[in-house]
Amino acid sequence: MKIMKNTLRTKSSNNRIVILLMILGLFTLLLSGCQQATDMAKNAANTAPTNTAANSAPTNTAANSETAKANTATQDANTSAAAPPKPDNCDGPGDDEVIVYEHVFYDNGGGKCVKLKPSEYKNATEIGLANDTMSSIKIGVNVRATVCDGENFTAPCEEFEKTDYDLMNNPTIKNDTASSIKVVNVKSDQAPEKKPEAIKAFVNTLVGDWIDVNNSYKLIFAEDKMESRRVNDNELTGSTPYKVVDGKTVEFTFPTGGAANAVITFEDNGNILIWYRPDSGQTFKMKRVKPN
């Protein structure tokens, strides 16, 4: 009986150990399963694809389109609202130039202006300013300008030697009347051109009164003009300017227009003048009224 009791106690104790080991095994298995589940969840999270729908979703096309339209409209507005034209560069004038302006008081902020060098400008196109629009003019110190109402320097004309800010009250060329302009160089500091000695000697001999061999008419030479008069009543029959070309040739202008040359030589110590016209072959002699 006592032996049976001990045996039962031993079995009961063994059963308890077995049960405890089973519980410990189940607990270990449970913990292991939880860890595996956790690891699988982490792996799934790490390897899960990104939100394709969100990432591949197009941007807000409507909003971007409206923004692009607004930017385009702004650019178009800036382009169409062009800045006012830059005024012409009309600083000056330089010593050897003339500046003509479309407006009075040399105002080129809203009008055109043009710089002109010494030359001939026969019409508005050559001037560079619209016809009949000039209203003020600046003149450089070495130049002067002849401004004409008509093209090709057709009269009336007016010479400008100094700057004029408003042509309204001018005697001839007024506002909006100019059509052609001549600009010439006349340096104020330039000494008068010296005549060659041969020309000076020729003029000194030529100047004076000359009478033809028949005593019917006479020629009177000044330094730049020749007159013709009848001897019997001293009536003037002609007058023409002339220019000495060289030591024996003069160029004279006909009253009716045109010009011709005459070759003049002297004999008898400058008391006989021999006149020869190459174009007509005309030759005649004259004697000095008051011999040297």
C-alpha atoms as a PDB file:
ATOM      1  CA  MET A   1       0.000   0.000   0.000  1.00  0.00           C
ATOM      2  CA  LYS A   2       2.750   2.387   0.904  1.00  0.00           C
ATOM      3  CA  ILE A   3       4.666   1.429  -2.202  1.00  0.00           C
ATOM      4  CA  MET A   4       1.591   2.228  -4.379  1.00  0.00           C
ATOM      5  CA  LYS A   5       1.217   5.637  -2.789  1.00  0.00           C
ATOM      6  CA  ASN A   6       4.827   6.477  -3.573  1.00  0.00           C
ATOM      7  CA  THR A   7       4.411   5.252  -7.101  1.00  0.00           C
ATOM      8  CA  LEU A   8       1.328   7.440  -7.599  1.00  0.00           C
ATOM      9  CA  ARG A   9       3.134  10.444  -6.197  1.00  0.00           C
ATOM     10  CA  THR A  10       6.025   9.862  -8.588  1.00  0.00           C
ATOM     11  CA  LYS A  11       3.681   9.612 -11.600  1.00  0.00           C
ATOM     12  CA  SER A  12       1.789  12.690 -10.566  1.00  0.00           C
ATOM     13  CA  SER A  13       5.011  14.598 -10.297  1.00  0.00           C
ATOM     14  CA  ASN A  14       6.161  13.429 -13.685  1.00  0.00           C
ATOM     15  CA  ASN A  15       2.841  14.426 -15.239  1.00  0.00           C
ATOM     16  CA  ARG A  16       3.203  17.892 -13.855  1.00  0.00           C
ATOM     17  CA  ILE A  17       6.681  18.223 -15.355  1.00  0.00           C
ATOM     18  CA  VAL A  18       5.424  17.010 -18.687  1.00  0.00           C
ATOM     19  CA  ILE A  19       2.531  19.492 -18.626  1.00  0.00           C
ATOM     20  CA  LEU A  20       4.905  22.304 -17.616  1.00  0.00           C
ATOM     21  CA  LEU A  21       7.254  21.448 -20.442  1.00  0.00           C
ATOM     22  CA  MET A  22       4.352  21.412 -22.879  1.00  0.00           C
ATOM     23  CA  ILE A  23       3.189  24.832 -21.673  1.00  0.00           C
ATOM     24  CA  LEU A  24       6.731  26.172 -22.022  1.00  0.00           C
ATOM     25  CA  GLY A  25       6.955  24.702 -25.523  1.00  0.00           C
ATOM     26  CA  LEU A  26       3.650  26.257 -26.559  1.00  0.00           C
ATOM     27  CA  PHE A  27       4.731  29.630 -25.143  1.00  0.00           C
ATOM     28  CA  THR A  28       8.037  29.408 -27.018  1.00  0.00           C
ATOM     29  CA  LEU A  29       6.216  28.471 -30.186  1.00  0.00           C
ATOM     30  CA  LEU A  30       3.815  31.370 -29.721  1.00  0.00           C
ATOM     31  CA  LEU A  31       6.674  33.840 -29.224  1.00  0.00           C
ATOM     32  CA  SER A  32       8.442  32.466 -32.255  1.00  0.00           C
ATOM     33  CA  GLY A  33       5.291  32.811 -34.330  1.00  0.00           C
ATOM     34  CA  CYS A  34       4.800  36.393 -33.221  1.00  0.00           C
ATOM     35  CA  GLN A  35       8.370  37.259 -34.108  1.00  0.00           C
ATOM     36  CA  GLN A  36       7.977  35.669 -37.531  1.00  0.00           C
ATOM     37  CA  ALA A  37       4.741  37.564 -38.063  1.00  0.00           C
ATOM     38  CA  THR A  38       6.440  40.799 -37.085  1.00  0.00           C
ATOM     39  CA  ASP A  39       9.351  40.119 -39.427  1.00  0.00           C
ATOM     40  CA  MET A  40       7.000  39.250 -42.273  1.00  0.00           C
ATOM     41  CA  ALA A  41       5.072  42.443 -41.701  1.00  0.00           C
ATOM     42  CA  LYS A  42       8.268  44.477 -41.794  1.00  0.00           C
ATOM     43  CA  ASN A  43       9.409  42.755 -44.963  1.00  0.00           C
ATOM     44  CA  ALA A  44       6.053  43.304 -46.526  1.00  0.00           C
ATOM     45  CA  ALA A  45       6.197  46.980 -45.642  1.00  0.00           C
ATOM     46  CA  ASN A  46       9.698  47.302 -47.059  1.00  0.00           C
ATOM     47  CA  THR A  47       8.964  45.453 -50.248  1.00  0.00           C
ATOM     48  CA  ALA A  48       5.484  46.831 -50.832  1.00  0.00           C
ATOM     49  CA  PRO A  49       5.188  48.819 -54.158  1.00  0.00           C
ATOM     50  CA  THR A  50       4.724  52.543 -53.888  1.00  0.00           C
ATOM     51  CA  ASN A  51       1.338  53.983 -54.388  1.00  0.00           C
ATOM     52  CA  THR A  52       1.345  53.808 -58.159  1.00  0.00           C
ATOM     53  CA  ALA A  53      -1.905  55.580 -58.461  1.00  0.00           C
ATOM     54  CA  ALA A  54      -0.711  58.444 -56.327  1.00  0.00           C
ATOM     55  CA  ASN A  55       2.728  58.605 -57.906  1.00  0.00           C
ATOM     56  CA  SER A  56       1.581  58.191 -61.445  1.00  0.00           C
ATOM     57  CA  ALA A  57      -1.390  60.478 -61.086  1.00  0.00           C
ATOM     58  CA  PRO A  58      -1.142  63.417 -63.488  1.00  0.00           C
ATOM     59  CA  THR A  59      -0.639  66.856 -62.075  1.00  0.00           C
ATOM     60  CA  ASN A  60      -3.572  69.166 -61.945  1.00  0.00           C
ATOM     61  CA  THR A  61      -3.739  69.802 -65.692  1.00  0.00           C
ATOM     62  CA  ALA A  62      -6.499  72.365 -65.452  1.00  0.00           C
ATOM     63  CA  ALA A  63      -4.670  74.466 -62.870  1.00  0.00           C
ATOM     64  CA  ASN A  64      -1.364  74.312 -64.780  1.00  0.00           C
ATOM     65  CA  SER A  65      -3.095  75.196 -68.019  1.00  0.00           C
ATOM     66  CA  GLU A  66      -4.698  78.257 -66.477  1.00  0.00           C
ATOM     67  CA  THR A  67      -1.340  79.347 -65.051  1.00  0.00           C
ATOM     68  CA  ALA A  68       0.318  78.948 -68.464  1.00  0.00           C
ATOM     69  CA  LYS A  69      -2.437  80.964 -70.092  1.00  0.00           C
ATOM     70  CA  ALA A  70      -2.015  83.724 -67.519  1.00  0.00           C
ATOM     71  CA  ASN A  71       1.754  83.821 -68.132  1.00  0.00           C
ATOM     72  CA  THR A  72       1.249  83.947 -71.896  1.00  0.00           C
ATOM     73  CA  ALA A  73      -1.271  86.747 -71.555  1.00  0.00           C
ATOM     74  CA  THR A  74       1.169  88.716 -69.430  1.00  0.00           C
ATOM     75  CA  GLN A  75       3.935  88.253 -71.996  1.00  0.00           C
ATOM     76  CA  ASP A  76       1.614  89.312 -74.811  1.00  0.00           C
ATOM     77  CA  ALA A  77       0.563  92.390 -72.878  1.00  0.00           C
ATOM     78  CA  ASN A  78       4.179  93.339 -72.258  1.00  0.00           C
ATOM     79  CA  THR A  79       5.017  92.830 -75.931  1.00  0.00           C
ATOM     80  CA  SER A  80       2.055  94.795 -77.261  1.00  0.00           C
ATOM     81  CA  ALA A  81       2.609  97.666 -74.854  1.00  0.00           C
ATOM     82  CA  ALA A  82       5.882  98.568 -76.568  1.00  0.00           C
ATOM     83  CA  ALA A  83       8.115 101.180 -75.000  1.00  0.00           C
ATOM     84  CA  PRO A  84       8.067 104.587 -76.688  1.00  0.00           C
ATOM     85  CA  PRO A  85      10.643 104.935 -79.490  1.00  0.00           C
ATOM     86  CA  LYS A  86      14.085 106.048 -78.392  1.00  0.00           C
ATOM     87  CA  PRO A  87      14.816 109.624 -79.494  1.00  0.00           C
ATOM     88  CA  ASP A  88      17.339 110.139 -82.267  1.00  0.00           C
ATOM     89  CA  ASN A  89      20.873 110.878 -81.104  1.00  0.00           C
ATOM     90  CA  CYS A  90      21.066 114.586 -81.894  1.00  0.00           C
ATOM     91  CA  ASP A  91      23.662 115.752 -79.413  1.00  0.00           C
ATOM     92  CA  GLY A  92      25.689 118.626 -80.729  1.00  0.00           C
ATOM     93  CA  PRO A  93      26.031 119.945 -83.301  1.00  0.00           C
ATOM     94  CA  GLY A  94      29.655 119.205 -84.087  1.00  0.00           C
ATOM     95  CA  ASP A  95      31.751 121.992 -85.568  1.00  0.00           C
ATOM     96  CA  ASP A  96      31.207 120.693 -89.111  1.00  0.00           C
ATOM     97  CA  GLU A  97      27.551 119.701 -89.049  1.00  0.00           C
ATOM     98  CA  VAL A  98      24.015 121.029 -89.043  1.00  0.00           C
ATOM     99  CA  ILE A  99      21.118 119.466 -87.139  1.00  0.00           C
ATOM    100  CA  VAL A 100      17.549 119.950 -88.380  1.00  0.00           C
ATOM    101  CA  TYR A 101      14.569 119.213 -86.142  1.00  0.00           C
ATOM    102  CA  GLU A 102      10.957 118.373 -86.829  1.00  0.00           C
ATOM    103  CA  HIS A 103       9.786 120.440 -83.825  1.00  0.00           C
ATOM    104  CA  VAL A 104      10.638 123.867 -82.398  1.00  0.00           C
ATOM    105  CA  PHE A 105      13.066 124.278 -79.490  1.00  0.00           C
ATOM    106  CA  TYR A 106      15.126 121.334 -80.830  1.00  0.00           C
ATOM    107  CA  ASP A 107      12.586 118.915 -79.308  1.00  0.00           C
ATOM    108  CA  ASN A 108      13.383 115.439 -80.555  1.00  0.00           C
ATOM    109  CA  GLY A 109      11.635 113.623 -77.711  1.00  0.00           C
ATOM    110  CA  GLY A 110       8.538 113.245 -79.853  1.00  0.00           C
ATOM    111  CA  GLY A 111       9.884 114.285 -83.240  1.00  0.00           C
ATOM    112  CA  LYS A 112      12.673 113.392 -85.627  1.00  0.00           C
ATOM    113  CA  CYS A 113      16.013 115.096 -86.046  1.00  0.00           C
ATOM    114  CA  VAL A 114      18.823 114.604 -88.555  1.00  0.00           C
ATOM    115  CA  LYS A 115      22.523 115.500 -88.591  1.00  0.00           C
ATOM    116  CA  LEU A 116      23.807 116.855 -91.915  1.00  0.00           C
ATOM    117  CA  LYS A 117      27.438 117.115 -93.010  1.00  0.00           C
ATOM    118  CA  PRO A 118      28.619 119.572 -95.694  1.00  0.00           C
ATOM    119  CA  SER A 119      26.852 118.463 -98.876  1.00  0.00           C
ATOM    120  CA  GLU A 120      23.831 119.172-101.046  1.00  0.00           C
ATOM    121  CA  TYR A 121      20.487 117.632-100.068  1.00  0.00           C
ATOM    122  CA  LYS A 122      18.143 118.133-103.016  1.00  0.00           C
ATOM    123  CA  ASN A 123      14.939 116.800-101.446  1.00  0.00           C
ATOM    124  CA  ALA A 124      13.356 115.494 -98.256  1.00  0.00           C
ATOM    125  CA  THR A 125      14.504 111.940 -98.928  1.00  0.00           C
ATOM    126  CA  GLU A 126      18.155 113.013 -99.052  1.00  0.00           C
ATOM    127  CA  ILE A 127      17.690 115.184 -95.970  1.00  0.00           C
ATOM    128  CA  GLY A 128      16.106 112.320 -94.035  1.00  0.00           C
ATOM    129  CA  LEU A 129      13.238 114.430 -92.701  1.00  0.00           C
ATOM    130  CA  ALA A 130       9.699 114.420 -94.075  1.00  0.00           C
ATOM    131  CA  ASN A 131       9.000 117.215 -96.562  1.00  0.00           C
ATOM    132  CA  ASP A 132       7.875 120.532 -95.094  1.00  0.00           C
ATOM    133  CA  THR A 133       8.396 119.475 -91.461  1.00  0.00           C
ATOM    134  CA  MET A 134      11.557 121.290 -90.347  1.00  0.00           C
ATOM    135  CA  SER A 135      10.884 123.692 -87.459  1.00  0.00           C
ATOM    136  CA  SER A 136      14.275 124.419 -85.849  1.00  0.00           C
ATOM    137  CA  ILE A 137      17.934 124.191 -86.823  1.00  0.00           C
ATOM    138  CA  LYS A 138      21.357 124.124 -85.139  1.00  0.00           C
ATOM    139  CA  ILE A 139      24.449 125.336 -86.985  1.00  0.00           C
ATOM    140  CA  GLY A 140      28.028 124.226 -86.234  1.00  0.00           C
ATOM    141  CA  VAL A 141      30.730 126.880 -85.995  1.00  0.00           C
ATOM    142  CA  ASN A 142      32.441 125.859 -89.256  1.00  0.00           C
ATOM    143  CA  VAL A 143      29.377 125.590 -91.478  1.00  0.00           C
ATOM    144  CA  ARG A 144      26.361 127.444 -92.738  1.00  0.00           C
ATOM    145  CA  ALA A 145      23.153 126.171 -94.314  1.00  0.00           C
ATOM    146  CA  THR A 146      21.092 127.453 -97.217  1.00  0.00           C
ATOM    147  CA  VAL A 147      17.532 126.196 -96.814  1.00  0.00           C
ATOM    148  CA  CYS A 148      15.122 126.367 -99.754  1.00  0.00           C
ATOM    149  CA  ASP A 149      11.349 126.124 -99.958  1.00  0.00           C
ATOM    150  CA  GLY A 150      11.400 123.945-103.074  1.00  0.00           C
ATOM    151  CA  GLU A 151      13.264 120.827-104.093  1.00  0.00           C
ATOM    152  CA  ASN A 152      16.570 121.169-105.964  1.00  0.00           C
ATOM    153  CA  PHE A 153      17.222 124.479-104.166  1.00  0.00           C
ATOM    154  CA  THR A 154      14.286 126.235-105.793  1.00  0.00           C
ATOM    155  CA  ALA A 155      13.632 129.732-104.414  1.00  0.00           C
ATOM    156  CA  PRO A 156      12.758 131.204-102.037  1.00  0.00           C
ATOM    157  CA  CYS A 157      15.810 130.298 -99.979  1.00  0.00           C
ATOM    158  CA  GLU A 158      17.346 131.576 -96.754  1.00  0.00           C
ATOM    159  CA  GLU A 159      20.877 131.294 -95.423  1.00  0.00           C
ATOM    160  CA  PHE A 160      21.403 130.285 -91.795  1.00  0.00           C
ATOM    161  CA  GLU A 161      24.706 131.204 -90.177  1.00  0.00           C
ATOM    162  CA  LYS A 162      23.572 130.585 -86.609  1.00  0.00           C
ATOM    163  CA  THR A 163      21.213 128.388 -84.642  1.00  0.00           C
ATOM    164  CA  ASP A 164      17.468 129.125 -84.776  1.00  0.00           C
ATOM    165  CA  TYR A 165      15.167 127.444 -82.254  1.00  0.00           C
ATOM    166  CA  ASP A 166      11.903 128.436 -84.005  1.00  0.00           C
ATOM    167  CA  LEU A 167      11.474 129.223 -87.709  1.00  0.00           C
ATOM    168  CA  MET A 168       7.971 130.638 -87.298  1.00  0.00           C
ATOM    169  CA  ASN A 169       9.020 134.280 -87.442  1.00  0.00           C
ATOM    170  CA  ASN A 170      11.710 133.946 -90.093  1.00  0.00           C
ATOM    171  CA  PRO A 171      11.477 136.252 -93.098  1.00  0.00           C
ATOM    172  CA  THR A 172      11.605 133.517 -95.735  1.00  0.00           C
ATOM    173  CA  ILE A 173      11.877 129.939 -94.493  1.00  0.00           C
ATOM    174  CA  LYS A 174       9.277 129.369 -91.803  1.00  0.00           C
ATOM    175  CA  ASN A 175       8.035 126.318 -89.937  1.00  0.00           C
ATOM    176  CA  ASP A 176       7.225 123.332 -92.142  1.00  0.00           C
ATOM    177  CA  THR A 177       8.382 124.826 -95.455  1.00  0.00           C
ATOM    178  CA  ALA A 178      11.871 123.401 -96.110  1.00  0.00           C
ATOM    179  CA  SER A 179      12.385 120.946 -98.980  1.00  0.00           C
ATOM    180  CA  SER A 180      16.123 121.153 -99.801  1.00  0.00           C
ATOM    181  CA  ILE A 181      19.290 122.193 -97.963  1.00  0.00           C
ATOM    182  CA  LYS A 182      22.884 123.027 -98.850  1.00  0.00           C
ATOM    183  CA  VAL A 183      25.472 122.738 -96.076  1.00  0.00           C
ATOM    184  CA  VAL A 184      28.851 124.334 -96.802  1.00  0.00           C
ATOM    185  CA  ASN A 185      32.021 124.543 -94.755  1.00  0.00           C
ATOM    186  CA  VAL A 186      33.119 128.105 -93.946  1.00  0.00           C
ATOM    187  CA  LYS A 187      35.621 127.763 -91.130  1.00  0.00           C
ATOM    188  CA  SER A 188      35.580 130.938 -89.098  1.00  0.00           C
ATOM    189  CA  ASP A 189      39.255 130.619 -88.259  1.00  0.00           C
ATOM    190  CA  GLN A 190      40.319 130.012 -91.858  1.00  0.00           C
ATOM    191  CA  ALA A 191      42.368 132.813 -93.364  1.00  0.00           C
ATOM    192  CA  PRO A 192      41.295 134.089 -96.786  1.00  0.00           C
ATOM    193  CA  GLU A 193      42.792 132.046 -99.565  1.00  0.00           C
ATOM    194  CA  LYS A 194      45.891 133.654-100.984  1.00  0.00           C
ATOM    195  CA  LYS A 195      45.928 134.135-104.714  1.00  0.00           C
ATOM    196  CA  PRO A 196      48.965 132.837-106.585  1.00  0.00           C
ATOM    197  CA  GLU A 197      51.405 135.535-107.638  1.00  0.00           C
ATOM    198  CA  ALA A 198      50.687 134.960-111.338  1.00  0.00           C
ATOM    199  CA  ILE A 199      46.965 135.588-110.805  1.00  0.00           C
ATOM    200  CA  LYS A 200      47.637 138.657-108.683  1.00  0.00           C
ATOM    201  CA  ALA A 201      49.888 140.114-111.375  1.00  0.00           C
ATOM    202  CA  PHE A 202      47.309 139.275-114.071  1.00  0.00           C
ATOM    203  CA  VAL A 203      44.482 140.992-112.151  1.00  0.00           C
ATOM    204  CA  ASN A 204      46.602 144.066-111.444  1.00  0.00           C
ATOM    205  CA  THR A 205      47.257 144.436-115.160  1.00  0.00           C
ATOM    206  CA  LEU A 206      43.665 143.701-116.181  1.00  0.00           C
ATOM    207  CA  VAL A 207      41.889 146.078-113.808  1.00  0.00           C
ATOM    208  CA  GLY A 208      41.157 149.463-115.465  1.00  0.00           C
ATOM    209  CA  ASP A 209      39.440 150.978-118.532  1.00  0.00           C
ATOM    210  CA  TRP A 210      40.068 149.589-122.034  1.00  0.00           C
ATOM    211  CA  ILE A 211      38.875 151.022-125.332  1.00  0.00           C
ATOM    212  CA  ASP A 212      38.628 149.286-128.733  1.00  0.00           C
ATOM    213  CA  VAL A 213      40.849 150.370-131.594  1.00  0.00           C
ATOM    214  CA  ASN A 214      37.879 152.106-133.302  1.00  0.00           C
ATOM    215  CA  ASN A 215      37.058 154.149-130.210  1.00  0.00           C
ATOM    216  CA  SER A 216      33.440 152.945-130.249  1.00  0.00           C
ATOM    217  CA  TYR A 217      33.125 151.071-126.934  1.00  0.00           C
ATOM    218  CA  LYS A 218      35.142 150.339-123.868  1.00  0.00           C
ATOM    219  CA  LEU A 219      35.478 147.584-121.281  1.00  0.00           C
ATOM    220  CA  ILE A 220      35.900 148.416-117.610  1.00  0.00           C
ATOM    221  CA  PHE A 221      37.385 145.677-115.426  1.00  0.00           C
ATOM    222  CA  ALA A 222      37.027 145.732-111.660  1.00  0.00           C
ATOM    223  CA  GLU A 223      38.475 142.846-109.611  1.00  0.00           C
ATOM    224  CA  ASP A 224      35.394 140.643-110.049  1.00  0.00           C
ATOM    225  CA  LYS A 225      33.127 142.384-112.582  1.00  0.00           C
ATOM    226  CA  MET A 226      33.361 143.581-116.172  1.00  0.00           C
ATOM    227  CA  GLU A 227      31.243 146.387-117.663  1.00  0.00           C
ATOM    228  CA  SER A 228      30.756 147.388-121.300  1.00  0.00           C
ATOM    229  CA  ARG A 229      29.933 151.013-122.215  1.00  0.00           C
ATOM    230  CA  ARG A 230      29.596 153.072-125.371  1.00  0.00           C
ATOM    231  CA  VAL A 231      32.304 155.687-125.753  1.00  0.00           C
ATOM    232  CA  ASN A 232      30.190 158.544-127.153  1.00  0.00           C
ATOM    233  CA  ASP A 233      27.620 158.696-124.290  1.00  0.00           C
ATOM    234  CA  ASN A 234      29.122 156.330-121.690  1.00  0.00           C
ATOM    235  CA  GLU A 235      25.877 154.338-121.654  1.00  0.00           C
ATOM    236  CA  LEU A 236      26.123 150.950-119.967  1.00  0.00           C
ATOM    237  CA  THR A 237      25.530 148.174-122.472  1.00  0.00           C
ATOM    238  CA  GLY A 238      26.417 145.162-120.356  1.00  0.00           C
ATOM    239  CA  SER A 239      27.709 143.948-117.021  1.00  0.00           C
ATOM    240  CA  THR A 240      28.868 140.500-116.028  1.00  0.00           C
ATOM    241  CA  PRO A 241      30.839 138.926-113.207  1.00  0.00           C
ATOM    242  CA  TYR A 242      34.046 137.147-114.054  1.00  0.00           C
ATOM    243  CA  LYS A 243      36.514 134.863-112.318  1.00  0.00           C
ATOM    244  CA  VAL A 244      40.224 134.529-112.990  1.00  0.00           C
ATOM    245  CA  VAL A 245      41.000 130.883-113.681  1.00  0.00           C
ATOM    246  CA  ASP A 246      44.758 131.163-114.088  1.00  0.00           C
ATOM    247  CA  GLY A 247      47.396 133.705-115.127  1.00  0.00           C
ATOM    248  CA  LYS A 248      45.745 134.419-118.499  1.00  0.00           C
ATOM    249  CA  THR A 249      42.202 132.949-118.514  1.00  0.00           C
ATOM    250  CA  VAL A 250      38.987 134.473-117.212  1.00  0.00           C
ATOM    251  CA  GLU A 251      35.569 132.851-116.948  1.00  0.00           C
ATOM    252  CA  PHE A 252      32.653 135.200-117.413  1.00  0.00           C
ATOM    253  CA  THR A 253      28.903 134.668-117.141  1.00  0.00           C
ATOM    254  CA  PHE A 254      26.384 135.820-119.720  1.00  0.00           C
ATOM    255  CA  PRO A 255      23.442 137.918-118.473  1.00  0.00           C
ATOM    256  CA  THR A 256      21.072 135.424-120.081  1.00  0.00           C
ATOM    257  CA  GLY A 257      22.802 132.456-118.409  1.00  0.00           C
ATOM    258  CA  GLY A 258      25.695 130.233-119.337  1.00  0.00           C
ATOM    259  CA  ALA A 259      29.389 130.950-119.178  1.00  0.00           C
ATOM    260  CA  ALA A 260      32.466 131.057-121.403  1.00  0.00           C
ATOM    261  CA  ASN A 261      36.207 131.483-121.128  1.00  0.00           C
ATOM    262  CA  ALA A 262      38.409 134.125-122.663  1.00  0.00           C
ATOM    263  CA  VAL A 263      42.169 134.039-122.935  1.00  0.00           C
ATOM    264  CA  ILE A 264      43.644 137.479-122.313  1.00  0.00           C
ATOM    265  CA  THR A 265      47.254 138.418-123.025  1.00  0.00           C
ATOM    266  CA  PHE A 266      49.031 141.755-122.923  1.00  0.00           C
ATOM    267  CA  GLU A 267      51.483 143.605-125.136  1.00  0.00           C
ATOM    268  CA  ASP A 268      53.333 146.924-125.011  1.00  0.00           C
ATOM    269  CA  ASN A 269      54.137 146.771-121.314  1.00  0.00           C
ATOM    270  CA  GLY A 270      50.537 145.969-120.412  1.00  0.00           C
ATOM    271  CA  ASN A 271      48.972 148.774-122.477  1.00  0.00           C
ATOM    272  CA  ILE A 272      47.507 146.520-125.198  1.00  0.00           C
ATOM    273  CA  LEU A 273      44.965 143.805-124.334  1.00  0.00           C
ATOM    274  CA  ILE A 274      44.394 140.911-126.733  1.00  0.00           C
ATOM    275  CA  TRP A 275      41.092 139.074-126.197  1.00  0.00           C
ATOM    276  CA  TYR A 276      40.587 135.569-127.598  1.00  0.00           C
ATOM    277  CA  ARG A 277      37.476 133.356-127.268  1.00  0.00           C
ATOM    278  CA  PRO A 278      38.410 129.660-127.861  1.00  0.00           C
ATOM    279  CA  ASP A 279      34.754 128.617-128.240  1.00  0.00           C
ATOM    280  CA  SER A 280      33.961 131.116-131.011  1.00  0.00           C
ATOM    281  CA  GLY A 281      37.437 131.942-132.334  1.00  0.00           C
ATOM    282  CA  GLN A 282      36.722 135.658-131.753  1.00  0.00           C
ATOM    283  CA  THR A 283      39.810 137.849-131.342  1.00  0.00           C
ATOM    284  CA  PHE A 284      40.131 141.601-130.853  1.00  0.00           C
ATOM    285  CA  LYS A 285      42.523 144.141-129.414  1.00  0.00           C
ATOM    286  CA  MET A 286      41.904 146.987-126.963  1.00  0.00           C
ATOM    287  CA  LYS A 287      44.175 149.709-125.619  1.00  0.00           C
ATOM    288  CA  ARG A 288      44.360 151.079-122.119  1.00  0.00           C
ATOM    289  CA  VAL A 289      42.572 154.421-121.678  1.00  0.00           C
ATOM    290  CA  LYS A 290      45.263 155.672-119.351  1.00  0.00           C
ATOM    291  CA  PRO A 291      48.537 154.089-120.469  1.00  0.00           C
ATOM    292  CA  ASN A 292      51.095 153.020-117.835  1.00  0.00           C
END
